[in-house]
């Protein structure tokens, strides 16, 4: 059975990255992507997906209320909450509203696919840890440059050409960035940097 999925994420870089990861799975099809809640509700009504991934830690809107609205329109919808950092109260409300499982941005692609398949459902509400990311101010100007290019979707070799440094040096910068921000992958690093105001939307447009 193919799991038809809709993704909601404000940042284009993360939306496209999540879609690419899920499209590798033989039983998952990404049928649409949305930037915000209004677009998500419309797409969910039009596409009637099996699963929806939405931002659980969005500060611009009430994610639990959004989850409840989606479930009200489609009772069997599998809702996955994605987060970088989210408090216990939001998690509790989200599960009560119909959230099926969660996915942290610093988890791997296997965890993402498992969440969409519904294999990470929580039988009881548990607190979700806050990010341990360090202050983005600890990044050097060069590291910020590298991160901006990563957010722009450039691969290691492309970044090396743009900055006139070797691919190995780019990878070394990435590892230092991950360590300073307390993350494990590029998507999480970009998410933390965006939330911390280190890079702006222009870096990924």
Foldseek 3Di string as FASTA:
>chain_A
DAFEEEEEAQAPLLQVVLQVLQVVDPRYHDPYYHNDLVVVLVCCLVVVTQEYEYALPDPVDQVLVSLLVSCVSPVRHAYEYEYQFDFQVSQQSNVVSPHFYYHYPQDDSVVVNCSSVSNHGDPDRDTDHHHPFAQPVPQDPVLLLLLLLVLQVDDLVRSCVVVVHDSVVSVVSVVVLCVNGVGHDSRSSNVSCDVNVSDHSVSHD
